Amino acid sequence: MKIKELLAKPGAWTRYEYARTATGLPCSATSRQAVCWCLRGAVLYCYDTETKRLNVLDKLESAVKGGFVVSYNDAPERTHAEILALVEKLDV
């Protein structure tokens, strides 16, 4: 599964935690209870090897002009639409 598919629904994206349960509690990005993810959490969920994860994170961080994926995701002004546009542009 690609990140753009995982985060496609508006409720599937979150801030300030890698992932959350249906009740909003923080959980592991790879937990079966996770229902929404931040951008980095989505990378952890969608890619199963460290090499793949690092490659995708490098791509994302380059696209956000050398910033950190977590900071980009958690910026107060960030929207779900912006996150989707980024992952669609990069096809991740």
PDB file of N, CA and C in Angstrom:
ATOM      1  N   MET A   1       0.837  -1.180   0.000  1.00  0.00           N
ATOM      2  CA  MET A   1       0.000   0.000   0.000  1.00  0.00           C
ATOM      3  C   MET A   1       0.883   1.246   0.000  1.00  0.00           C
ATOM      4  N   LYS A   2       0.461   2.238  -0.746  1.00  0.00           N
ATOM      5  CA  LYS A   2       1.201   3.494  -0.779  1.00  0.00           C
ATOM      6  C   LYS A   2       0.609   4.460   0.246  1.00  0.00           C
ATOM      7  N   ILE A   3       1.421   5.415   0.650  1.00  0.00           N
ATOM      8  CA  ILE A   3       1.000   6.406   1.640  1.00  0.00           C
ATOM      9  C   ILE A   3      -0.234   7.157   1.157  1.00  0.00           C
ATOM     10  N   LYS A   4      -0.260   7.507  -0.120  1.00  0.00           N
ATOM     11  CA  LYS A   4      -1.407   8.272  -0.640  1.00  0.00           C
ATOM     12  C   LYS A   4      -2.710   7.497  -0.489  1.00  0.00           C
ATOM     13  N   GLU A   5      -2.658   6.176  -0.548  1.00  0.00           N
ATOM     14  CA  GLU A   5      -3.850   5.355  -0.344  1.00  0.00           C
ATOM     15  C   GLU A   5      -4.210   5.273   1.135  1.00  0.00           C
ATOM     16  N   LEU A   6      -3.196   5.129   1.977  1.00  0.00           N
ATOM     17  CA  LEU A   6      -3.425   5.019   3.421  1.00  0.00           C
ATOM     18  C   LEU A   6      -4.062   6.286   3.976  1.00  0.00           C
ATOM     19  N   LEU A   7      -3.598   7.437   3.528  1.00  0.00           N
ATOM     20  CA  LEU A   7      -4.065   8.717   4.070  1.00  0.00           C
ATOM     21  C   LEU A   7      -5.192   9.348   3.250  1.00  0.00           C
ATOM     22  N   ALA A   8      -5.759   8.623   2.314  1.00  0.00           N
ATOM     23  CA  ALA A   8      -6.751   9.194   1.403  1.00  0.00           C
ATOM     24  C   ALA A   8      -7.986   9.755   2.110  1.00  0.00           C
ATOM     25  N   LYS A   9      -8.484   9.084   3.121  1.00  0.00           N
ATOM     26  CA  LYS A   9      -9.668   9.566   3.826  1.00  0.00           C
ATOM     27  C   LYS A   9      -9.275  10.708   4.756  1.00  0.00           C
ATOM     28  N   PRO A  10     -10.114  11.740   4.864  1.00  0.00           N
ATOM     29  CA  PRO A  10      -9.783  12.869   5.749  1.00  0.00           C
ATOM     30  C   PRO A  10      -9.463  12.465   7.189  1.00  0.00           C
ATOM     31  N   GLY A  11     -10.125  11.497   7.744  1.00  0.00           N
ATOM     32  CA  GLY A  11      -9.872  11.085   9.124  1.00  0.00           C
ATOM     33  C   GLY A  11      -8.644  10.208   9.305  1.00  0.00           C
ATOM     34  N   ALA A  12      -7.950   9.876   8.218  1.00  0.00           N
ATOM     35  CA  ALA A  12      -6.807   8.966   8.293  1.00  0.00           C
ATOM     36  C   ALA A  12      -5.494   9.673   8.594  1.00  0.00           C
ATOM     37  N   TRP A  13      -5.512  10.997   8.688  1.00  0.00           N
ATOM     38  CA  TRP A  13      -4.286  11.765   8.948  1.00  0.00           C
ATOM     39  C   TRP A  13      -4.346  12.374  10.341  1.00  0.00           C
ATOM     40  N   THR A  14      -3.195  12.433  11.003  1.00  0.00           N
ATOM     41  CA  THR A  14      -3.119  13.039  12.325  1.00  0.00           C
ATOM     42  C   THR A  14      -1.841  13.846  12.466  1.00  0.00           C
ATOM     43  N   ARG A  15      -1.767  14.570  13.550  1.00  0.00           N
ATOM     44  CA  ARG A  15      -0.560  15.330  13.906  1.00  0.00           C
ATOM     45  C   ARG A  15      -0.098  14.901  15.291  1.00  0.00           C
ATOM     46  N   TYR A  16       1.146  15.209  15.589  1.00  0.00           N
ATOM     47  CA  TYR A  16       1.744  15.106  16.928  1.00  0.00           C
ATOM     48  C   TYR A  16       1.970  13.689  17.460  1.00  0.00           C
ATOM     49  N   GLU A  17       1.555  12.682  16.749  1.00  0.00           N
ATOM     50  CA  GLU A  17       1.804  11.274  17.099  1.00  0.00           C
ATOM     51  C   GLU A  17       1.984  10.516  15.798  1.00  0.00           C
ATOM     52  N   TYR A  18       2.740   9.413  15.835  1.00  0.00           N
ATOM     53  CA  TYR A  18       2.907   8.614  14.620  1.00  0.00           C
ATOM     54  C   TYR A  18       1.590   7.995  14.173  1.00  0.00           C
ATOM     55  N   ALA A  19       0.758   7.598  15.142  1.00  0.00           N
ATOM     56  CA  ALA A  19      -0.539   6.999  14.824  1.00  0.00           C
ATOM     57  C   ALA A  19      -1.459   7.130  16.028  1.00  0.00           C
ATOM     58  N   ARG A  20      -2.745   6.952  15.759  1.00  0.00           N
ATOM     59  CA  ARG A  20      -3.747   7.004  16.818  1.00  0.00           C
ATOM     60  C   ARG A  20      -4.794   5.910  16.596  1.00  0.00           C
ATOM     61  N   THR A  21      -5.415   5.510  17.703  1.00  0.00           N
ATOM     62  CA  THR A  21      -6.514   4.547  17.653  1.00  0.00           C
ATOM     63  C   THR A  21      -7.807   5.279  17.311  1.00  0.00           C
ATOM     64  N   ALA A  22      -8.883   4.529  17.167  1.00  0.00           N
ATOM     65  CA  ALA A  22     -10.190   5.115  16.871  1.00  0.00           C
ATOM     66  C   ALA A  22     -10.657   6.060  17.969  1.00  0.00           C
ATOM     67  N   THR A  23     -10.158   5.874  19.183  1.00  0.00           N
ATOM     68  CA  THR A  23     -10.542   6.762  20.291  1.00  0.00           C
ATOM     69  C   THR A  23      -9.571   7.927  20.451  1.00  0.00           C
ATOM     70  N   GLY A  24      -8.587   8.024  19.550  1.00  0.00           N
ATOM     71  CA  GLY A  24      -7.645   9.139  19.571  1.00  0.00           C
ATOM     72  C   GLY A  24      -6.399   8.935  20.402  1.00  0.00           C
ATOM     73  N   LEU A  25      -6.256   7.762  20.983  1.00  0.00           N
ATOM     74  CA  LEU A  25      -5.060   7.483  21.789  1.00  0.00           C
ATOM     75  C   LEU A  25      -3.851   7.207  20.903  1.00  0.00           C
ATOM     76  N   PRO A  26      -2.673   7.667  21.303  1.00  0.00           N
ATOM     77  CA  PRO A  26      -1.461   7.369  20.528  1.00  0.00           C
ATOM     78  C   PRO A  26      -1.200   5.859  20.522  1.00  0.00           C
ATOM     79  N   CYS A  27      -0.674   5.386  19.414  1.00  0.00           N
ATOM     80  CA  CYS A  27      -0.286   3.978  19.316  1.00  0.00           C
ATOM     81  C   CYS A  27       0.856   3.853  18.308  1.00  0.00           C
ATOM     82  N   SER A  28       1.415   2.678  18.221  1.00  0.00           N
ATOM     83  CA  SER A  28       2.468   2.402  17.259  1.00  0.00           C
ATOM     84  C   SER A  28       1.916   2.545  15.845  1.00  0.00           C
ATOM     85  N   ALA A  29       2.737   3.019  14.942  1.00  0.00           N
ATOM     86  CA  ALA A  29       2.317   3.177  13.547  1.00  0.00           C
ATOM     87  C   ALA A  29       1.948   1.846  12.905  1.00  0.00           C
ATOM     88  N   THR A  30       2.478   0.769  13.419  1.00  0.00           N
ATOM     89  CA  THR A  30       2.198  -0.539  12.843  1.00  0.00           C
ATOM     90  C   THR A  30       1.172  -1.333  13.651  1.00  0.00           C
ATOM     91  N   SER A  31       0.561  -0.714  14.645  1.00  0.00           N
ATOM     92  CA  SER A  31      -0.450  -1.374  15.466  1.00  0.00           C
ATOM     93  C   SER A  31      -1.692  -1.681  14.644  1.00  0.00           C
ATOM     94  N   ARG A  32      -2.315  -2.797  14.940  1.00  0.00           N
ATOM     95  CA  ARG A  32      -3.581  -3.146  14.282  1.00  0.00           C
ATOM     96  C   ARG A  32      -4.696  -2.198  14.701  1.00  0.00           C
ATOM     97  N   GLN A  33      -4.493  -1.489  15.813  1.00  0.00           N
ATOM     98  CA  GLN A  33      -5.505  -0.549  16.300  1.00  0.00           C
ATOM     99  C   GLN A  33      -5.387   0.828  15.659  1.00  0.00           C
ATOM    100  N   ALA A  34      -4.312   1.068  14.933  1.00  0.00           N
ATOM    101  CA  ALA A  34      -4.109   2.378  14.307  1.00  0.00           C
ATOM    102  C   ALA A  34      -5.159   2.613  13.222  1.00  0.00           C
ATOM    103  N   VAL A  35      -5.739   3.820  13.253  1.00  0.00           N
ATOM    104  CA  VAL A  35      -6.718   4.197  12.227  1.00  0.00           C
ATOM    105  C   VAL A  35      -6.336   5.495  11.531  1.00  0.00           C
ATOM    106  N   CYS A  36      -5.353   6.210  12.094  1.00  0.00           N
ATOM    107  CA  CYS A  36      -4.860   7.423  11.436  1.00  0.00           C
ATOM    108  C   CYS A  36      -3.376   7.574  11.745  1.00  0.00           C
ATOM    109  N   TRP A  37      -2.662   8.210  10.820  1.00  0.00           N
ATOM    110  CA  TRP A  37      -1.214   8.293  10.875  1.00  0.00           C
ATOM    111  C   TRP A  37      -0.737   9.685  10.496  1.00  0.00           C
ATOM    112  N   CYS A  38       0.408  10.077  11.062  1.00  0.00           N
ATOM    113  CA  CYS A  38       1.099  11.258  10.561  1.00  0.00           C
ATOM    114  C   CYS A  38       1.910  10.795   9.345  1.00  0.00           C
ATOM    115  N   LEU A  39       2.551  11.712   8.694  1.00  0.00           N
ATOM    116  CA  LEU A  39       3.297  11.365   7.486  1.00  0.00           C
ATOM    117  C   LEU A  39       4.406  10.354   7.786  1.00  0.00           C
ATOM    118  N   ARG A  40       5.163  10.572   8.852  1.00  0.00           N
ATOM    119  CA  ARG A  40       6.226   9.621   9.193  1.00  0.00           C
ATOM    120  C   ARG A  40       5.643   8.277   9.625  1.00  0.00           C
ATOM    121  N   GLY A  41       4.568   8.306  10.387  1.00  0.00           N
ATOM    122  CA  GLY A  41       3.911   7.065  10.784  1.00  0.00           C
ATOM    123  C   GLY A  41       3.427   6.279   9.578  1.00  0.00           C
ATOM    124  N   ALA A  42       2.939   6.995   8.572  1.00  0.00           N
ATOM    125  CA  ALA A  42       2.490   6.335   7.344  1.00  0.00           C
ATOM    126  C   ALA A  42       3.657   5.662   6.632  1.00  0.00           C
ATOM    127  N   VAL A  43       4.828   6.288   6.665  1.00  0.00           N
ATOM    128  CA  VAL A  43       6.025   5.661   6.072  1.00  0.00           C
ATOM    129  C   VAL A  43       6.326   4.357   6.811  1.00  0.00           C
ATOM    130  N   LEU A  44       6.277   4.403   8.135  1.00  0.00           N
ATOM    131  CA  LEU A  44       6.553   3.207   8.938  1.00  0.00           C
ATOM    132  C   LEU A  44       5.541   2.097   8.652  1.00  0.00           C
ATOM    133  N   TYR A  45       4.298   2.477   8.456  1.00  0.00           N
ATOM    134  CA  TYR A  45       3.247   1.496   8.193  1.00  0.00           C
ATOM    135  C   TYR A  45       3.360   0.890   6.794  1.00  0.00           C
ATOM    136  N   CYS A  46       3.619   1.719   5.813  1.00  0.00           N
ATOM    137  CA  CYS A  46       3.553   1.287   4.408  1.00  0.00           C
ATOM    138  C   CYS A  46       4.804   0.592   3.885  1.00  0.00           C
ATOM    139  N   TYR A  47       5.936   0.833   4.490  1.00  0.00           N
ATOM    140  CA  TYR A  47       7.191   0.271   3.971  1.00  0.00           C
ATOM    141  C   TYR A  47       7.808  -0.638   5.017  1.00  0.00           C
ATOM    142  N   ASP A  48       8.150  -1.843   4.609  1.00  0.00           N
ATOM    143  CA  ASP A  48       8.515  -2.881   5.564  1.00  0.00           C
ATOM    144  C   ASP A  48      10.004  -3.049   5.846  1.00  0.00           C
ATOM    145  N   THR A  49      10.859  -2.340   5.144  1.00  0.00           N
ATOM    146  CA  THR A  49      12.285  -2.458   5.442  1.00  0.00           C
ATOM    147  C   THR A  49      12.861  -1.084   5.741  1.00  0.00           C
ATOM    148  N   GLU A  50      13.914  -1.070   6.509  1.00  0.00           N
ATOM    149  CA  GLU A  50      14.559   0.198   6.869  1.00  0.00           C
ATOM    150  C   GLU A  50      15.070   0.933   5.628  1.00  0.00           C
ATOM    151  N   THR A  51      15.588   0.186   4.662  1.00  0.00           N
ATOM    152  CA  THR A  51      16.090   0.795   3.427  1.00  0.00           C
ATOM    153  C   THR A  51      14.978   1.516   2.677  1.00  0.00           C
ATOM    154  N   LYS A  52      13.833   0.855   2.524  1.00  0.00           N
ATOM    155  CA  LYS A  52      12.700   1.477   1.830  1.00  0.00           C
ATOM    156  C   LYS A  52      12.220   2.701   2.597  1.00  0.00           C
ATOM    157  N   ARG A  53      12.129   2.573   3.919  1.00  0.00           N
ATOM    158  CA  ARG A  53      11.667   3.693   4.746  1.00  0.00           C
ATOM    159  C   ARG A  53      12.598   4.897   4.609  1.00  0.00           C
ATOM    160  N   LEU A  54      13.895   4.653   4.670  1.00  0.00           N
ATOM    161  CA  LEU A  54      14.860   5.750   4.559  1.00  0.00           C
ATOM    162  C   LEU A  54      14.808   6.404   3.179  1.00  0.00           C
ATOM    163  N   ASN A  55      14.635   5.605   2.147  1.00  0.00           N
ATOM    164  CA  ASN A  55      14.525   6.164   0.788  1.00  0.00           C
ATOM    165  C   ASN A  55      13.310   7.077   0.661  1.00  0.00           C
ATOM    166  N   VAL A  56      12.178   6.640   1.186  1.00  0.00           N
ATOM    167  CA  VAL A  56      10.962   7.449   1.112  1.00  0.00           C
ATOM    168  C   VAL A  56      11.105   8.702   1.974  1.00  0.00           C
ATOM    169  N   LEU A  57      11.669   8.564   3.163  1.00  0.00           N
ATOM    170  CA  LEU A  57      11.877   9.733   4.027  1.00  0.00           C
ATOM    171  C   LEU A  57      12.813  10.745   3.380  1.00  0.00           C
ATOM    172  N   ASP A  58      13.866  10.270   2.725  1.00  0.00           N
ATOM    173  CA  ASP A  58      14.774  11.177   2.007  1.00  0.00           C
ATOM    174  C   ASP A  58      14.025  11.933   0.915  1.00  0.00           C
ATOM    175  N   LYS A  59      13.184  11.223   0.180  1.00  0.00           N
ATOM    176  CA  LYS A  59      12.390  11.836  -0.883  1.00  0.00           C
ATOM    177  C   LYS A  59      11.458  12.916  -0.316  1.00  0.00           C
ATOM    178  N   LEU A  60      10.789  12.571   0.772  1.00  0.00           N
ATOM    179  CA  LEU A  60       9.866  13.514   1.403  1.00  0.00           C
ATOM    180  C   LEU A  60      10.599  14.733   1.949  1.00  0.00           C
ATOM    181  N   GLU A  61      11.723  14.491   2.628  1.00  0.00           N
ATOM    182  CA  GLU A  61      12.449  15.604   3.227  1.00  0.00           C
ATOM    183  C   GLU A  61      13.057  16.513   2.163  1.00  0.00           C
ATOM    184  N   SER A  62      13.449  15.966   1.048  1.00  0.00           N
ATOM    185  CA  SER A  62      13.926  16.799  -0.058  1.00  0.00           C
ATOM    186  C   SER A  62      12.789  17.657  -0.614  1.00  0.00           C
ATOM    187  N   ALA A  63      11.617  17.071  -0.679  1.00  0.00           N
ATOM    188  CA  ALA A  63      10.460  17.786  -1.221  1.00  0.00           C
ATOM    189  C   ALA A  63       9.974  18.911  -0.312  1.00  0.00           C
ATOM    190  N   VAL A  64      10.223  18.786   0.985  1.00  0.00           N
ATOM    191  CA  VAL A  64       9.822  19.859   1.910  1.00  0.00           C
ATOM    192  C   VAL A  64      10.995  20.791   2.167  1.00  0.00           C
ATOM    193  N   LYS A  65      11.853  20.868   1.188  1.00  0.00           N
ATOM    194  CA  LYS A  65      12.997  21.797   1.164  1.00  0.00           C
ATOM    195  C   LYS A  65      13.957  21.596   2.334  1.00  0.00           C
ATOM    196  N   GLY A  66      14.336  20.341   2.552  1.00  0.00           N
ATOM    197  CA  GLY A  66      15.332  20.030   3.565  1.00  0.00           C
ATOM    198  C   GLY A  66      14.807  20.023   4.986  1.00  0.00           C
ATOM    199  N   GLY A  67      13.512  20.224   5.126  1.00  0.00           N
ATOM    200  CA  GLY A  67      12.924  20.191   6.463  1.00  0.00           C
ATOM    201  C   GLY A  67      12.722  18.770   6.934  1.00  0.00           C
ATOM    202  N   PHE A  68      12.251  18.657   8.132  1.00  0.00           N
ATOM    203  CA  PHE A  68      11.965  17.335   8.680  1.00  0.00           C
ATOM    204  C   PHE A  68      10.509  16.988   8.417  1.00  0.00           C
ATOM    205  N   VAL A  69      10.256  15.756   8.066  1.00  0.00           N
ATOM    206  CA  VAL A  69       8.909  15.298   7.755  1.00  0.00           C
ATOM    207  C   VAL A  69       7.967  15.547   8.934  1.00  0.00           C
ATOM    208  N   VAL A  70       8.432  15.268  10.143  1.00  0.00           N
ATOM    209  CA  VAL A  70       7.584  15.444  11.320  1.00  0.00           C
ATOM    210  C   VAL A  70       7.220  16.919  11.511  1.00  0.00           C
ATOM    211  N   SER A  71       8.177  17.806  11.367  1.00  0.00           N
ATOM    212  CA  SER A  71       7.900  19.241  11.508  1.00  0.00           C
ATOM    213  C   SER A  71       6.938  19.722  10.433  1.00  0.00           C
ATOM    214  N   TYR A  72       7.127  19.248   9.226  1.00  0.00           N
ATOM    215  CA  TYR A  72       6.227  19.610   8.124  1.00  0.00           C
ATOM    216  C   TYR A  72       4.809  19.137   8.439  1.00  0.00           C
ATOM    217  N   ASN A  73       4.681  17.886   8.834  1.00  0.00           N
ATOM    218  CA  ASN A  73       3.379  17.304   9.137  1.00  0.00           C
ATOM    219  C   ASN A  73       2.679  18.051  10.279  1.00  0.00           C
ATOM    220  N   ASP A  74       3.435  18.377  11.322  1.00  0.00           N
ATOM    221  CA  ASP A  74       2.843  18.938  12.542  1.00  0.00           C
ATOM    222  C   ASP A  74       2.667  20.455  12.519  1.00  0.00           C
ATOM    223  N   ALA A  75       3.078  21.114  11.471  1.00  0.00           N
ATOM    224  CA  ALA A  75       2.921  22.576  11.401  1.00  0.00           C
ATOM    225  C   ALA A  75       1.435  22.925  11.553  1.00  0.00           C
ATOM    226  N   PRO A  76       1.131  23.904  12.403  1.00  0.00           N
ATOM    227  CA  PRO A  76      -0.275  24.246  12.669  1.00  0.00           C
ATOM    228  C   PRO A  76      -1.078  24.613  11.415  1.00  0.00           C
ATOM    229  N   GLU A  77      -0.409  25.173  10.435  1.00  0.00           N
ATOM    230  CA  GLU A  77      -1.109  25.576   9.220  1.00  0.00           C
ATOM    231  C   GLU A  77      -1.271  24.443   8.203  1.00  0.00           C
ATOM    232  N   ARG A  78      -0.642  23.307   8.446  1.00  0.00           N
ATOM    233  CA  ARG A  78      -0.674  22.194   7.488  1.00  0.00           C
ATOM    234  C   ARG A  78      -2.080  21.624   7.378  1.00  0.00           C
ATOM    235  N   THR A  79      -2.454  21.248   6.180  1.00  0.00           N
ATOM    236  CA  THR A  79      -3.771  20.649   5.957  1.00  0.00           C
ATOM    237  C   THR A  79      -3.626  19.238   5.395  1.00  0.00           C
ATOM    238  N   HIS A  80      -4.687  18.492   5.538  1.00  0.00           N
ATOM    239  CA  HIS A  80      -4.737  17.146   4.976  1.00  0.00           C
ATOM    240  C   HIS A  80      -4.527  17.205   3.460  1.00  0.00           C
ATOM    241  N   ALA A  81      -5.112  18.200   2.828  1.00  0.00           N
ATOM    242  CA  ALA A  81      -4.970  18.355   1.368  1.00  0.00           C
ATOM    243  C   ALA A  81      -3.511  18.562   0.971  1.00  0.00           C
ATOM    244  N   GLU A  82      -2.757  19.312   1.757  1.00  0.00           N
ATOM    245  CA  GLU A  82      -1.335  19.532   1.456  1.00  0.00           C
ATOM    246  C   GLU A  82      -0.533  18.245   1.601  1.00  0.00           C
ATOM    247  N   ILE A  83      -0.859  17.463   2.613  1.00  0.00           N
ATOM    248  CA  ILE A  83      -0.164  16.184   2.809  1.00  0.00           C
ATOM    249  C   ILE A  83      -0.450  15.272   1.619  1.00  0.00           C
ATOM    250  N   LEU A  84      -1.715  15.182   1.225  1.00  0.00           N
ATOM    251  CA  LEU A  84      -2.065  14.344   0.067  1.00  0.00           C
ATOM    252  C   LEU A  84      -1.409  14.820  -1.204  1.00  0.00           C
ATOM    253  N   ALA A  85      -1.371  16.116  -1.416  1.00  0.00           N
ATOM    254  CA  ALA A  85      -0.727  16.658  -2.618  1.00  0.00           C
ATOM    255  C   ALA A  85       0.750  16.276  -2.668  1.00  0.00           C
ATOM    256  N   LEU A  86       1.414  16.341  -1.524  1.00  0.00           N
ATOM    257  CA  LEU A  86       2.837  15.991  -1.464  1.00  0.00           C
ATOM    258  C   LEU A  86       3.050  14.521  -1.807  1.00  0.00           C
ATOM    259  N   VAL A  87       2.298  13.621  -1.174  1.00  0.00           N
ATOM    260  CA  VAL A  87       2.522  12.193  -1.430  1.00  0.00           C
ATOM    261  C   VAL A  87       2.079  11.794  -2.831  1.00  0.00           C
ATOM    262  N   GLU A  88       1.073  12.469  -3.363  1.00  0.00           N
ATOM    263  CA  GLU A  88       0.663  12.184  -4.743  1.00  0.00           C
ATOM    264  C   GLU A  88       1.726  12.656  -5.725  1.00  0.00           C
ATOM    265  N   LYS A  89       2.274  13.826  -5.480  1.00  0.00           N
ATOM    266  CA  LYS A  89       3.340  14.370  -6.337  1.00  0.00           C
ATOM    267  C   LYS A  89       4.545  13.434  -6.379  1.00  0.00           C
ATOM    268  N   LEU A  90       4.898  12.883  -5.214  1.00  0.00           N
ATOM    269  CA  LEU A  90       6.064  11.995  -5.123  1.00  0.00           C
ATOM    270  C   LEU A  90       5.733  10.535  -5.423  1.00  0.00           C
ATOM    271  N   ASP A  91       4.440  10.241  -5.552  1.00  0.00           N
ATOM    272  CA  ASP A  91       3.959   8.884  -5.814  1.00  0.00           C
ATOM    273  C   ASP A  91       4.484   7.899  -4.780  1.00  0.00           C
ATOM    274  N   VAL A  92       4.272   8.246  -3.515  1.00  0.00           N
ATOM    275  CA  VAL A  92       4.671   7.349  -2.419  1.00  0.00           C
ATOM    276  C   VAL A  92       3.449   6.903  -1.624  1.00  0.00           C
TER     277      VAL A  92
END
